[in-house]
C-alpha atoms as a PDB file:
ATOM      1  CA  MET A   1      70.665 102.904  83.574  1.00  0.00           C
ATOM      2  CA  TYR A   2      69.682 100.417  86.726  1.00  0.00           C
ATOM      3  CA  ASN A   3      72.570  98.944  88.098  1.00  0.00           C
ATOM      4  CA  ARG A   4      71.815  95.898  90.763  1.00  0.00           C
ATOM      5  CA  LYS A   5      75.356  96.829  92.119  1.00  0.00           C
ATOM      6  CA  GLU A   6      74.156  99.830  93.554  1.00  0.00           C
ATOM      7  CA  PHE A   7      70.925  99.059  95.186  1.00  0.00           C
ATOM      8  CA  LEU A   8      71.618  95.307  96.579  1.00  0.00           C
ATOM      9  CA  LYS A   9      71.648  95.797 100.028  1.00  0.00           C
ATOM     10  CA  ARG A  10      72.936  93.446 103.151  1.00  0.00           C
ATOM     11  CA  SER A  11      70.514  92.531 105.451  1.00  0.00           C
ATOM     12  CA  GLY A  12      71.304  91.236 109.017  1.00  0.00           C
ATOM     13  CA  GLY A  13      70.041  87.072 109.594  1.00  0.00           C
ATOM     14  CA  ALA A  14      67.842  85.348 112.836  1.00  0.00           C
ATOM     15  CA  ALA A  15      70.030  82.043 113.522  1.00  0.00           C
ATOM     16  CA  LEU A  16      70.758  79.919 110.796  1.00  0.00           C
ATOM     17  CA  GLY A  17      67.939  77.171 109.963  1.00  0.00           C
ATOM     18  CA  LEU A  18      69.219  74.747 107.915  1.00  0.00           C
ATOM     19  CA  MET A  19      68.004  71.355 109.872  1.00  0.00           C
ATOM     20  CA  LEU A  20      66.241  69.674 107.228  1.00  0.00           C
ATOM     21  CA  GLY A  21      63.190  67.794 107.809  1.00  0.00           C
ATOM     22  CA  SER A  22      63.539  65.455 105.172  1.00  0.00           C
ATOM     23  CA  THR A  23      66.259  62.994 103.844  1.00  0.00           C
ATOM     24  CA  LEU A  24      66.711  62.118  99.818  1.00  0.00           C
ATOM     25  CA  ASN A  25      67.669  59.675  98.328  1.00  0.00           C
ATOM     26  CA  ALA A  26      69.899  60.783  95.368  1.00  0.00           C
ATOM     27  CA  GLY A  27      70.603  58.160  93.466  1.00  0.00           C
ATOM     28  CA  CYS A  28      67.633  56.998  93.250  1.00  0.00           C
ATOM     29  CA  GLY A  29      65.962  56.169  89.690  1.00  0.00           C
ATOM     30  CA  THR A  30      70.003  57.844  88.005  1.00  0.00           C
ATOM     31  CA  SER A  31      71.302  56.351  85.220  1.00  0.00           C
ATOM     32  CA  PRO A  32      75.083  55.774  85.765  1.00  0.00           C
ATOM     33  CA  GLU A  33      75.652  57.922  82.935  1.00  0.00           C
ATOM     34  CA  ALA A  34      73.977  60.285  84.471  1.00  0.00           C
ATOM     35  CA  LYS A  35      75.844  59.852  87.930  1.00  0.00           C
ATOM     36  CA  ALA A  36      79.169  60.294  85.882  1.00  0.00           C
ATOM     37  CA  ALA A  37      77.624  63.867  84.315  1.00  0.00           C
ATOM     38  CA  GLY A  38      75.422  65.016  87.276  1.00  0.00           C
ATOM     39  CA  SER A  39      71.527  65.800  87.588  1.00  0.00           C
ATOM     40  CA  ILE A  40      72.144  69.324  86.397  1.00  0.00           C
ATOM     41  CA  ALA A  41      71.878  68.875  82.676  1.00  0.00           C
ATOM     42  CA  SER A  42      71.744  73.184  81.921  1.00  0.00           C
ATOM     43  CA  LEU A  43      74.199  74.407  84.595  1.00  0.00           C
ATOM     44  CA  GLY A  44      73.475  78.091  84.591  1.00  0.00           C
ATOM     45  CA  ILE A  45      75.241  81.557  86.730  1.00  0.00           C
ATOM     46  CA  GLN A  46      74.562  84.429  87.516  1.00  0.00           C
ATOM     47  CA  LEU A  47      76.493  87.193  85.672  1.00  0.00           C
ATOM     48  CA  TYR A  48      76.280  89.779  88.594  1.00  0.00           C
ATOM     49  CA  SER A  49      78.884  86.944  90.289  1.00  0.00           C
ATOM     50  CA  LEU A  50      81.786  88.626  88.011  1.00  0.00           C
ATOM     51  CA  ARG A  51      79.637  92.204  87.871  1.00  0.00           C
ATOM     52  CA  ASP A  52      83.972  93.183  88.387  1.00  0.00           C
ATOM     53  CA  ASP A  53      85.730  91.515  85.872  1.00  0.00           C
ATOM     54  CA  LEU A  54      82.694  91.543  82.881  1.00  0.00           C
ATOM     55  CA  PRO A  55      82.407  94.531  81.544  1.00  0.00           C
ATOM     56  CA  LYS A  56      86.570  94.822  80.575  1.00  0.00           C
ATOM     57  CA  ASP A  57      85.821  91.836  78.265  1.00  0.00           C
ATOM     58  CA  PRO A  58      82.421  90.418  78.035  1.00  0.00           C
ATOM     59  CA  LYS A  59      83.186  88.042  75.344  1.00  0.00           C
ATOM     60  CA  GLY A  60      86.693  86.825  76.924  1.00  0.00           C
ATOM     61  CA  ILE A  61      84.647  86.538  80.469  1.00  0.00           C
ATOM     62  CA  LEU A  62      81.639  84.214  78.480  1.00  0.00           C
ATOM     63  CA  LYS A  63      84.188  81.896  76.518  1.00  0.00           C
ATOM     64  CA  GLN A  64      85.575  81.224  79.825  1.00  0.00           C
ATOM     65  CA  LEU A  65      81.755  80.549  81.562  1.00  0.00           C
ATOM     66  CA  ALA A  66      81.266  77.979  78.723  1.00  0.00           C
ATOM     67  CA  ASP A  67      84.060  76.330  79.330  1.00  0.00           C
ATOM     68  CA  PHE A  68      83.772  76.062  83.131  1.00  0.00           C
ATOM     69  CA  GLY A  69      80.826  73.876  81.567  1.00  0.00           C
ATOM     70  CA  TYR A  70      78.089  76.636  82.167  1.00  0.00           C
ATOM     71  CA  LYS A  71      75.235  76.293  79.573  1.00  0.00           C
ATOM     72  CA  GLU A  72      72.782  78.506  80.956  1.00  0.00           C
ATOM     73  CA  ILE A  73      73.161  82.062  81.179  1.00  0.00           C
ATOM     74  CA  GLU A  74      71.380  84.981  83.915  1.00  0.00           C
ATOM     75  CA  SER A  75      72.638  88.394  82.939  1.00  0.00           C
ATOM     76  CA  TYR A  76      71.955  91.915  85.072  1.00  0.00           C
ATOM     77  CA  GLU A  77      71.277  95.284  83.821  1.00  0.00           C
ATOM     78  CA  GLY A  78      74.994  96.719  84.507  1.00  0.00           C
ATOM     79  CA  ALA A  79      76.461  99.969  82.903  1.00  0.00           C
ATOM     80  CA  GLN A  80      76.432  98.423  79.840  1.00  0.00           C
ATOM     81  CA  GLY A  81      72.850  97.174  79.908  1.00  0.00           C
ATOM     82  CA  MET A  82      72.056  93.081  80.291  1.00  0.00           C
ATOM     83  CA  PHE A  83      73.719  92.568  77.030  1.00  0.00           C
ATOM     84  CA  TRP A  84      76.616  94.249  77.477  1.00  0.00           C
ATOM     85  CA  GLY A  85      77.346  95.967  73.896  1.00  0.00           C
ATOM     86  CA  LEU A  86      76.409  93.443  72.021  1.00  0.00           C
ATOM     87  CA  GLY A  87      72.831  94.548  71.602  1.00  0.00           C
ATOM     88  CA  HIS A  88      70.113  91.859  71.887  1.00  0.00           C
ATOM     89  CA  LYS A  89      70.331  90.007  68.710  1.00  0.00           C
ATOM     90  CA  GLY A  90      74.598  90.356  68.539  1.00  0.00           C
ATOM     91  CA  PHE A  91      74.758  88.757  72.361  1.00  0.00           C
ATOM     92  CA  LYS A  92      71.919  85.658  71.406  1.00  0.00           C
ATOM     93  CA  GLU A  93      74.409  85.085  67.971  1.00  0.00           C
ATOM     94  CA  TYR A  94      77.723  85.005  70.742  1.00  0.00           C
ATOM     95  CA  MET A  95      75.790  82.697  73.341  1.00  0.00           C
ATOM     96  CA  ASP A  96      75.409  81.239  70.254  1.00  0.00           C
ATOM     97  CA  SER A  97      78.625  80.643  69.324  1.00  0.00           C
ATOM     98  CA  LEU A  98      79.824  78.781  72.277  1.00  0.00           C
ATOM     99  CA  GLY A  99      76.787  76.479  72.813  1.00  0.00           C
ATOM    100  CA  MET A 100      74.995  78.692  75.695  1.00  0.00           C
ATOM    101  CA  LYS A 101      71.908  79.977  76.183  1.00  0.00           C
ATOM    102  CA  ILE A 102      70.439  83.338  77.775  1.00  0.00           C
ATOM    103  CA  VAL A 103      67.620  81.993  79.560  1.00  0.00           C
ATOM    104  CA  SER A 104      66.809  84.835  82.005  1.00  0.00           C
ATOM    105  CA  SER A 105      68.174  88.575  82.993  1.00  0.00           C
ATOM    106  CA  HIS A 106      67.202  90.472  85.993  1.00  0.00           C
ATOM    107  CA  CYS A 107      65.782  94.026  85.215  1.00  0.00           C
ATOM    108  CA  ASP A 108      64.189  97.196  86.316  1.00  0.00           C
ATOM    109  CA  TYR A 109      60.733  96.380  85.233  1.00  0.00           C
ATOM    110  CA  LYS A 110      60.008 100.051  86.350  1.00  0.00           C
ATOM    111  CA  THR A 111      61.906 101.464  83.398  1.00  0.00           C
ATOM    112  CA  ASP A 112      61.178 100.770  79.607  1.00  0.00           C
ATOM    113  CA  PHE A 113      59.991  97.679  80.656  1.00  0.00           C
ATOM    114  CA  GLU A 114      57.649  97.556  77.038  1.00  0.00           C
ATOM    115  CA  ARG A 115      61.186  97.287  75.071  1.00  0.00           C
ATOM    116  CA  LYS A 116      63.007  95.002  77.451  1.00  0.00           C
ATOM    117  CA  ALA A 117      60.154  92.566  77.381  1.00  0.00           C
ATOM    118  CA  ALA A 118      59.900  92.553  73.385  1.00  0.00           C
ATOM    119  CA  GLU A 119      63.598  92.117  72.901  1.00  0.00           C
ATOM    120  CA  ALA A 120      64.218  89.379  75.391  1.00  0.00           C
ATOM    121  CA  ALA A 121      61.211  87.675  73.961  1.00  0.00           C
ATOM    122  CA  GLU A 122      63.048  88.153  69.942  1.00  0.00           C
ATOM    123  CA  ILE A 123      66.137  86.923  71.348  1.00  0.00           C
ATOM    124  CA  GLY A 124      63.909  83.560  72.599  1.00  0.00           C
ATOM    125  CA  MET A 125      64.958  84.167  76.704  1.00  0.00           C
ATOM    126  CA  SER A 126      62.303  83.122  79.334  1.00  0.00           C
ATOM    127  CA  TYR A 127      62.220  85.123  82.171  1.00  0.00           C
ATOM    128  CA  LEU A 128      62.490  89.006  83.297  1.00  0.00           C
ATOM    129  CA  ILE A 129      63.349  88.526  86.599  1.00  0.00           C
ATOM    130  CA  CYS A 130      62.792  91.520  89.552  1.00  0.00           C
ATOM    131  CA  PRO A 131      65.741  91.235  91.688  1.00  0.00           C
ATOM    132  CA  TYR A 132      64.981  93.838  94.946  1.00  0.00           C
ATOM    133  CA  VAL A 133      62.665  96.028  96.306  1.00  0.00           C
ATOM    134  CA  GLY A 134      64.155  96.047  99.743  1.00  0.00           C
ATOM    135  CA  PRO A 135      62.058  95.291 103.045  1.00  0.00           C
ATOM    136  CA  GLN A 136      58.563  97.790 102.810  1.00  0.00           C
ATOM    137  CA  LYS A 137      56.846  99.072 106.141  1.00  0.00           C
ATOM    138  CA  THR A 138      53.271  97.657 106.104  1.00  0.00           C
ATOM    139  CA  LEU A 139      52.113  94.114 105.034  1.00  0.00           C
ATOM    140  CA  ASP A 140      49.583  96.846 102.537  1.00  0.00           C
ATOM    141  CA  ASP A 141      52.994  97.493 100.399  1.00  0.00           C
ATOM    142  CA  TYR A 142      53.836  94.194  99.602  1.00  0.00           C
ATOM    143  CA  LYS A 143      50.433  94.079  98.595  1.00  0.00           C
ATOM    144  CA  LYS A 144      50.792  96.935  95.954  1.00  0.00           C
ATOM    145  CA  LEU A 145      53.811  95.141  95.232  1.00  0.00           C
ATOM    146  CA  ALA A 146      52.476  92.123  93.901  1.00  0.00           C
ATOM    147  CA  GLU A 147      49.807  94.290  92.025  1.00  0.00           C
ATOM    148  CA  GLU A 148      53.288  95.734  89.978  1.00  0.00           C
ATOM    149  CA  PHE A 149      54.470  92.176  89.207  1.00  0.00           C
ATOM    150  CA  ASN A 150      51.019  91.337  87.614  1.00  0.00           C
ATOM    151  CA  LYS A 151      50.840  93.839  85.503  1.00  0.00           C
ATOM    152  CA  ALA A 152      54.529  93.282  84.637  1.00  0.00           C
ATOM    153  CA  GLY A 153      53.611  89.564  84.121  1.00  0.00           C
ATOM    154  CA  GLU A 154      50.679  90.739  81.668  1.00  0.00           C
ATOM    155  CA  THR A 155      53.477  92.673  79.514  1.00  0.00           C
ATOM    156  CA  CYS A 156      55.460  89.410  79.698  1.00  0.00           C
ATOM    157  CA  LYS A 157      52.941  87.344  78.809  1.00  0.00           C
ATOM    158  CA  LYS A 158      52.304  89.420  75.812  1.00  0.00           C
ATOM    159  CA  ASN A 159      55.557  88.775  74.514  1.00  0.00           C
ATOM    160  CA  GLY A 160      55.576  85.556  75.105  1.00  0.00           C
ATOM    161  CA  ILE A 161      57.775  85.266  78.209  1.00  0.00           C
ATOM    162  CA  ARG A 162      57.271  84.895  82.132  1.00  0.00           C
ATOM    163  CA  PHE A 163      57.954  87.400  84.813  1.00  0.00           C
ATOM    164  CA  GLY A 164      59.624  86.488  87.921  1.00  0.00           C
ATOM    165  CA  TYR A 165      60.399  88.230  91.353  1.00  0.00           C
ATOM    166  CA  HIS A 166      63.956  87.224  93.125  1.00  0.00           C
ATOM    167  CA  ASN A 167      63.809  86.820  96.713  1.00  0.00           C
ATOM    168  CA  HIS A 168      65.849  88.397  99.455  1.00  0.00           C
ATOM    169  CA  ASP A 169      66.053  87.588 103.153  1.00  0.00           C
ATOM    170  CA  TYR A 170      63.753  89.927 104.100  1.00  0.00           C
ATOM    171  CA  SER A 171      60.167  88.452 102.251  1.00  0.00           C
ATOM    172  CA  PHE A 172      61.110  84.846 104.916  1.00  0.00           C
ATOM    173  CA  ARG A 173      60.964  87.511 108.216  1.00  0.00           C
ATOM    174  CA  LEU A 174      57.914  87.669 109.909  1.00  0.00           C
ATOM    175  CA  GLN A 175      56.100  90.604 109.568  1.00  0.00           C
ATOM    176  CA  GLU A 176      52.839  91.638 111.866  1.00  0.00           C
ATOM    177  CA  GLY A 177      52.901  87.921 112.600  1.00  0.00           C
ATOM    178  CA  GLN A 178      53.081  87.229 108.082  1.00  0.00           C
ATOM    179  CA  TYR A 179      55.781  86.322 105.938  1.00  0.00           C
ATOM    180  CA  PRO A 180      55.788  89.047 102.824  1.00  0.00           C
ATOM    181  CA  GLN A 181      56.562  86.295 100.894  1.00  0.00           C
ATOM    182  CA  ASP A 182      52.969  84.131 101.393  1.00  0.00           C
ATOM    183  CA  ILE A 183      52.091  87.918 100.682  1.00  0.00           C
ATOM    184  CA  PHE A 184      53.734  87.905  97.212  1.00  0.00           C
ATOM    185  CA  MET A 185      52.919  84.769  96.571  1.00  0.00           C
ATOM    186  CA  GLN A 186      49.211  84.217  97.615  1.00  0.00           C
ATOM    187  CA  HIS A 187      48.649  88.152  95.999  1.00  0.00           C
ATOM    188  CA  THR A 188      50.076  87.302  92.511  1.00  0.00           C
ATOM    189  CA  ASP A 189      48.170  85.451  89.907  1.00  0.00           C
ATOM    190  CA  ASN A 190      50.273  81.708  89.375  1.00  0.00           C
ATOM    191  CA  SER A 191      49.664  82.589  85.226  1.00  0.00           C
ATOM    192  CA  LEU A 192      51.539  85.740  85.198  1.00  0.00           C
ATOM    193  CA  VAL A 193      54.093  85.763  88.268  1.00  0.00           C
ATOM    194  CA  ASP A 194      57.327  82.927  88.880  1.00  0.00           C
ATOM    195  CA  TYR A 195      59.529  83.374  91.483  1.00  0.00           C
ATOM    196  CA  GLU A 196      63.495  82.225  91.828  1.00  0.00           C
ATOM    197  CA  MET A 197      64.350  81.128  95.192  1.00  0.00           C
ATOM    198  CA  ASP A 198      67.361  82.630  96.582  1.00  0.00           C
ATOM    199  CA  ILE A 199      68.718  79.648  98.474  1.00  0.00           C
ATOM    200  CA  TYR A 200      71.068  81.651 100.748  1.00  0.00           C
ATOM    201  CA  TRP A 201      68.812  84.205 101.758  1.00  0.00           C
ATOM    202  CA  VAL A 202      65.471  81.990 102.355  1.00  0.00           C
ATOM    203  CA  VAL A 203      68.773  79.777 104.649  1.00  0.00           C
ATOM    204  CA  THR A 204      70.231  83.300 106.222  1.00  0.00           C
ATOM    205  CA  ALA A 205      66.231  84.594 106.763  1.00  0.00           C
ATOM    206  CA  GLY A 206      66.289  80.912 109.587  1.00  0.00           C
ATOM    207  CA  GLN A 207      63.902  79.227 106.772  1.00  0.00           C
ATOM    208  CA  ASP A 208      63.974  75.446 105.928  1.00  0.00           C
ATOM    209  CA  PRO A 209      63.454  75.985 101.734  1.00  0.00           C
ATOM    210  CA  LEU A 210      61.731  72.523 101.538  1.00  0.00           C
ATOM    211  CA  PRO A 211      58.225  73.319 103.173  1.00  0.00           C
ATOM    212  CA  TRP A 212      58.548  76.503 101.103  1.00  0.00           C
ATOM    213  CA  LEU A 213      58.872  74.575  97.594  1.00  0.00           C
ATOM    214  CA  LYS A 214      56.069  71.846  99.067  1.00  0.00           C
ATOM    215  CA  LYS A 215      53.679  74.794  99.943  1.00  0.00           C
ATOM    216  CA  TYR A 216      53.966  76.573  96.174  1.00  0.00           C
ATOM    217  CA  ASN A 217      54.537  73.694  93.896  1.00  0.00           C
ATOM    218  CA  GLY A 218      55.546  74.648  91.056  1.00  0.00           C
ATOM    219  CA  ARG A 219      55.817  78.551  91.488  1.00  0.00           C
ATOM    220  CA  PHE A 220      60.139  78.693  91.897  1.00  0.00           C
ATOM    221  CA  LYS A 221      61.105  78.123  88.924  1.00  0.00           C
ATOM    222  CA  LEU A 222      64.494  79.350  89.059  1.00  0.00           C
ATOM    223  CA  CYS A 223      66.877  79.375  91.416  1.00  0.00           C
ATOM    224  CA  HIS A 224      69.922  80.531  92.969  1.00  0.00           C
ATOM    225  CA  VAL A 225      72.752  78.196  93.882  1.00  0.00           C
ATOM    226  CA  LYS A 226      75.160  80.357  96.519  1.00  0.00           C
ATOM    227  CA  ASP A 227      76.814  78.906  99.687  1.00  0.00           C
ATOM    228  CA  ARG A 228      77.126  80.104 103.150  1.00  0.00           C
ATOM    229  CA  LYS A 229      79.981  80.272 105.184  1.00  0.00           C
ATOM    230  CA  LYS A 230      80.143  77.354 107.659  1.00  0.00           C
ATOM    231  CA  GLY A 231      79.401  78.417 111.442  1.00  0.00           C
ATOM    232  CA  ALA A 232      78.086  81.687 110.556  1.00  0.00           C
ATOM    233  CA  VAL A 233      75.820  83.108 112.986  1.00  0.00           C
ATOM    234  CA  PRO A 234      73.674  85.697 111.336  1.00  0.00           C
ATOM    235  CA  GLN A 235      73.409  89.197 112.561  1.00  0.00           C
ATOM    236  CA  LYS A 236      72.123  92.550 111.707  1.00  0.00           C
ATOM    237  CA  GLY A 237      74.038  94.580 108.736  1.00  0.00           C
ATOM    238  CA  GLU A 238      76.009  91.508 108.603  1.00  0.00           C
ATOM    239  CA  PRO A 239      78.024  91.271 105.111  1.00  0.00           C
ATOM    240  CA  ASN A 240      77.434  89.039 102.419  1.00  0.00           C
ATOM    241  CA  LEU A 241      78.713  86.150 103.185  1.00  0.00           C
ATOM    242  CA  SER A 242      78.888  83.332 100.876  1.00  0.00           C
ATOM    243  CA  VAL A 243      81.637  80.921  99.968  1.00  0.00           C
ATOM    244  CA  ILE A 244      82.450  79.153  97.356  1.00  0.00           C
ATOM    245  CA  VAL A 245      79.656  76.559  96.226  1.00  0.00           C
ATOM    246  CA  GLY A 246      80.130  73.281  97.523  1.00  0.00           C
ATOM    247  CA  THR A 247      82.107  74.620 100.364  1.00  0.00           C
ATOM    248  CA  GLY A 248      79.894  76.036 102.902  1.00  0.00           C
ATOM    249  CA  SER A 249      76.737  74.471 104.728  1.00  0.00           C
ATOM    250  CA  ILE A 250      74.057  74.662 102.749  1.00  0.00           C
ATOM    251  CA  ASP A 251      72.946  70.814 101.848  1.00  0.00           C
ATOM    252  CA  PHE A 252      72.293  71.176  98.303  1.00  0.00           C
ATOM    253  CA  LYS A 253      71.843  67.644  97.473  1.00  0.00           C
ATOM    254  CA  THR A 254      68.644  67.759  99.580  1.00  0.00           C
ATOM    255  CA  ILE A 255      67.603  71.145  98.656  1.00  0.00           C
ATOM    256  CA  LEU A 256      67.632  70.837  95.059  1.00  0.00           C
ATOM    257  CA  ALA A 257      66.660  67.414  94.851  1.00  0.00           C
ATOM    258  CA  ALA A 258      63.401  68.340  96.574  1.00  0.00           C
ATOM    259  CA  ALA A 259      62.979  71.255  94.285  1.00  0.00           C
ATOM    260  CA  ARG A 260      63.351  69.345  91.244  1.00  0.00           C
ATOM    261  CA  LYS A 261      60.120  67.228  92.397  1.00  0.00           C
ATOM    262  CA  GLU A 262      58.723  70.926  92.407  1.00  0.00           C
ATOM    263  CA  GLY A 263      58.670  71.824  89.611  1.00  0.00           C
ATOM    264  CA  MET A 264      62.995  73.864  89.552  1.00  0.00           C
ATOM    265  CA  GLN A 265      63.457  74.171  85.807  1.00  0.00           C
ATOM    266  CA  HIS A 266      66.559  76.383  86.453  1.00  0.00           C
ATOM    267  CA  TYR A 267      69.731  76.287  88.812  1.00  0.00           C
ATOM    268  CA  ILE A 268      71.938  79.415  88.341  1.00  0.00           C
ATOM    269  CA  LEU A 269      74.770  79.513  90.642  1.00  0.00           C
ATOM    270  CA  GLU A 270      76.179  83.081  91.761  1.00  0.00           C
ATOM    271  CA  GLN A 271      78.910  83.734  93.759  1.00  0.00           C
ATOM    272  CA  GLU A 272      78.265  87.771  95.608  1.00  0.00           C
ATOM    273  CA  ALA A 273      81.574  86.965  97.888  1.00  0.00           C
ATOM    274  CA  TYR A 274      85.202  86.050  97.425  1.00  0.00           C
ATOM    275  CA  GLU A 275      87.387  83.944  99.168  1.00  0.00           C
ATOM    276  CA  LYS A 276      89.913  83.995  95.850  1.00  0.00           C
ATOM    277  CA  ALA A 277      89.461  85.612  91.987  1.00  0.00           C
ATOM    278  CA  PRO A 278      86.092  85.656  91.151  1.00  0.00           C
ATOM    279  CA  ILE A 279      86.966  83.809  87.984  1.00  0.00           C
ATOM    280  CA  GLU A 280      88.260  80.832  89.927  1.00  0.00           C
ATOM    281  CA  CYS A 281      85.296  80.994  92.284  1.00  0.00           C
ATOM    282  CA  VAL A 282      83.132  80.090  89.777  1.00  0.00           C
ATOM    283  CA  LYS A 283      85.036  77.641  88.552  1.00  0.00           C
ATOM    284  CA  GLU A 284      85.506  75.775  91.109  1.00  0.00           C
ATOM    285  CA  GLY A 285      81.567  76.013  91.851  1.00  0.00           C
ATOM    286  CA  ALA A 286      80.786  74.831  88.061  1.00  0.00           C
ATOM    287  CA  ALA A 287      83.223  71.584  88.701  1.00  0.00           C
ATOM    288  CA  TYR A 288      80.880  71.279  92.213  1.00  0.00           C
ATOM    289  CA  LEU A 289      77.699  71.524  90.693  1.00  0.00           C
ATOM    290  CA  ASN A 290      78.399  69.686  87.770  1.00  0.00           C
ATOM    291  CA  LYS A 291      79.235  66.613  89.415  1.00  0.00           C
ATOM    292  CA  LEU A 292      76.731  66.775  91.260  1.00  0.00           C
ATOM    293  CA  VAL A 293      74.129  64.125  91.974  1.00  0.00           C
ATOM    294  CA  PHE A 294      70.873  64.375  93.411  1.00  0.00           C
END
């Protein structure tokens, strides 16, 4: 069984490129009610954030997440599958009881993908997402992957859902004078493939997310909201340096405001490194994001 934990690799970084070129008025056009509640209507969380605790008590963890104010779930394929032993219909039934919705899942698109797409569609999910392909040796290798994404997108479209790709830093680093992310964007059919921007990894690659959001307006439909340790200097082989969202160096107020303008629809917290118990990290992250106005 595919397990995201088994193959996610930690990559080195270039100098942090977080000096953003534009400043947006966070309060513009926002009602007093919206200011009190924050700007994210349905905050999501990637369940990989709780990868050690979730398998022990899936229902208990999901109940806590609902209590923290999460409304959307993005799953992944662990040892119990993307529906954590409940089956796709059982998982949806439990989500409904909590007032939550599973909108997406990371999964292996090369294994039994027709069944996965059919089950996802049957319970009203919107996306199946490739979480990682790893750095490729040549640019042609990225083009071949783009064609694979198109085929996976056709499978999803046939079932009434969408296919997406989630980036790490390697696609935002120059290779042979080009950014692999450009190759992905330009060689995939926008009627078949969307993108999930992991903001942490874009920043770790020394890139400013704003120009990428604008350049590919409407193609980044989901994002991972994952913060980065203040003052960290990226280096080869560094460990993951994510911190509790809202306590690090990334200017989410500006980035998320720009993302919304460019068509972002789903804001999904992900926590990969921990300063305290994982459940406490995602609780504090939810408190920050559910009050954030942008």
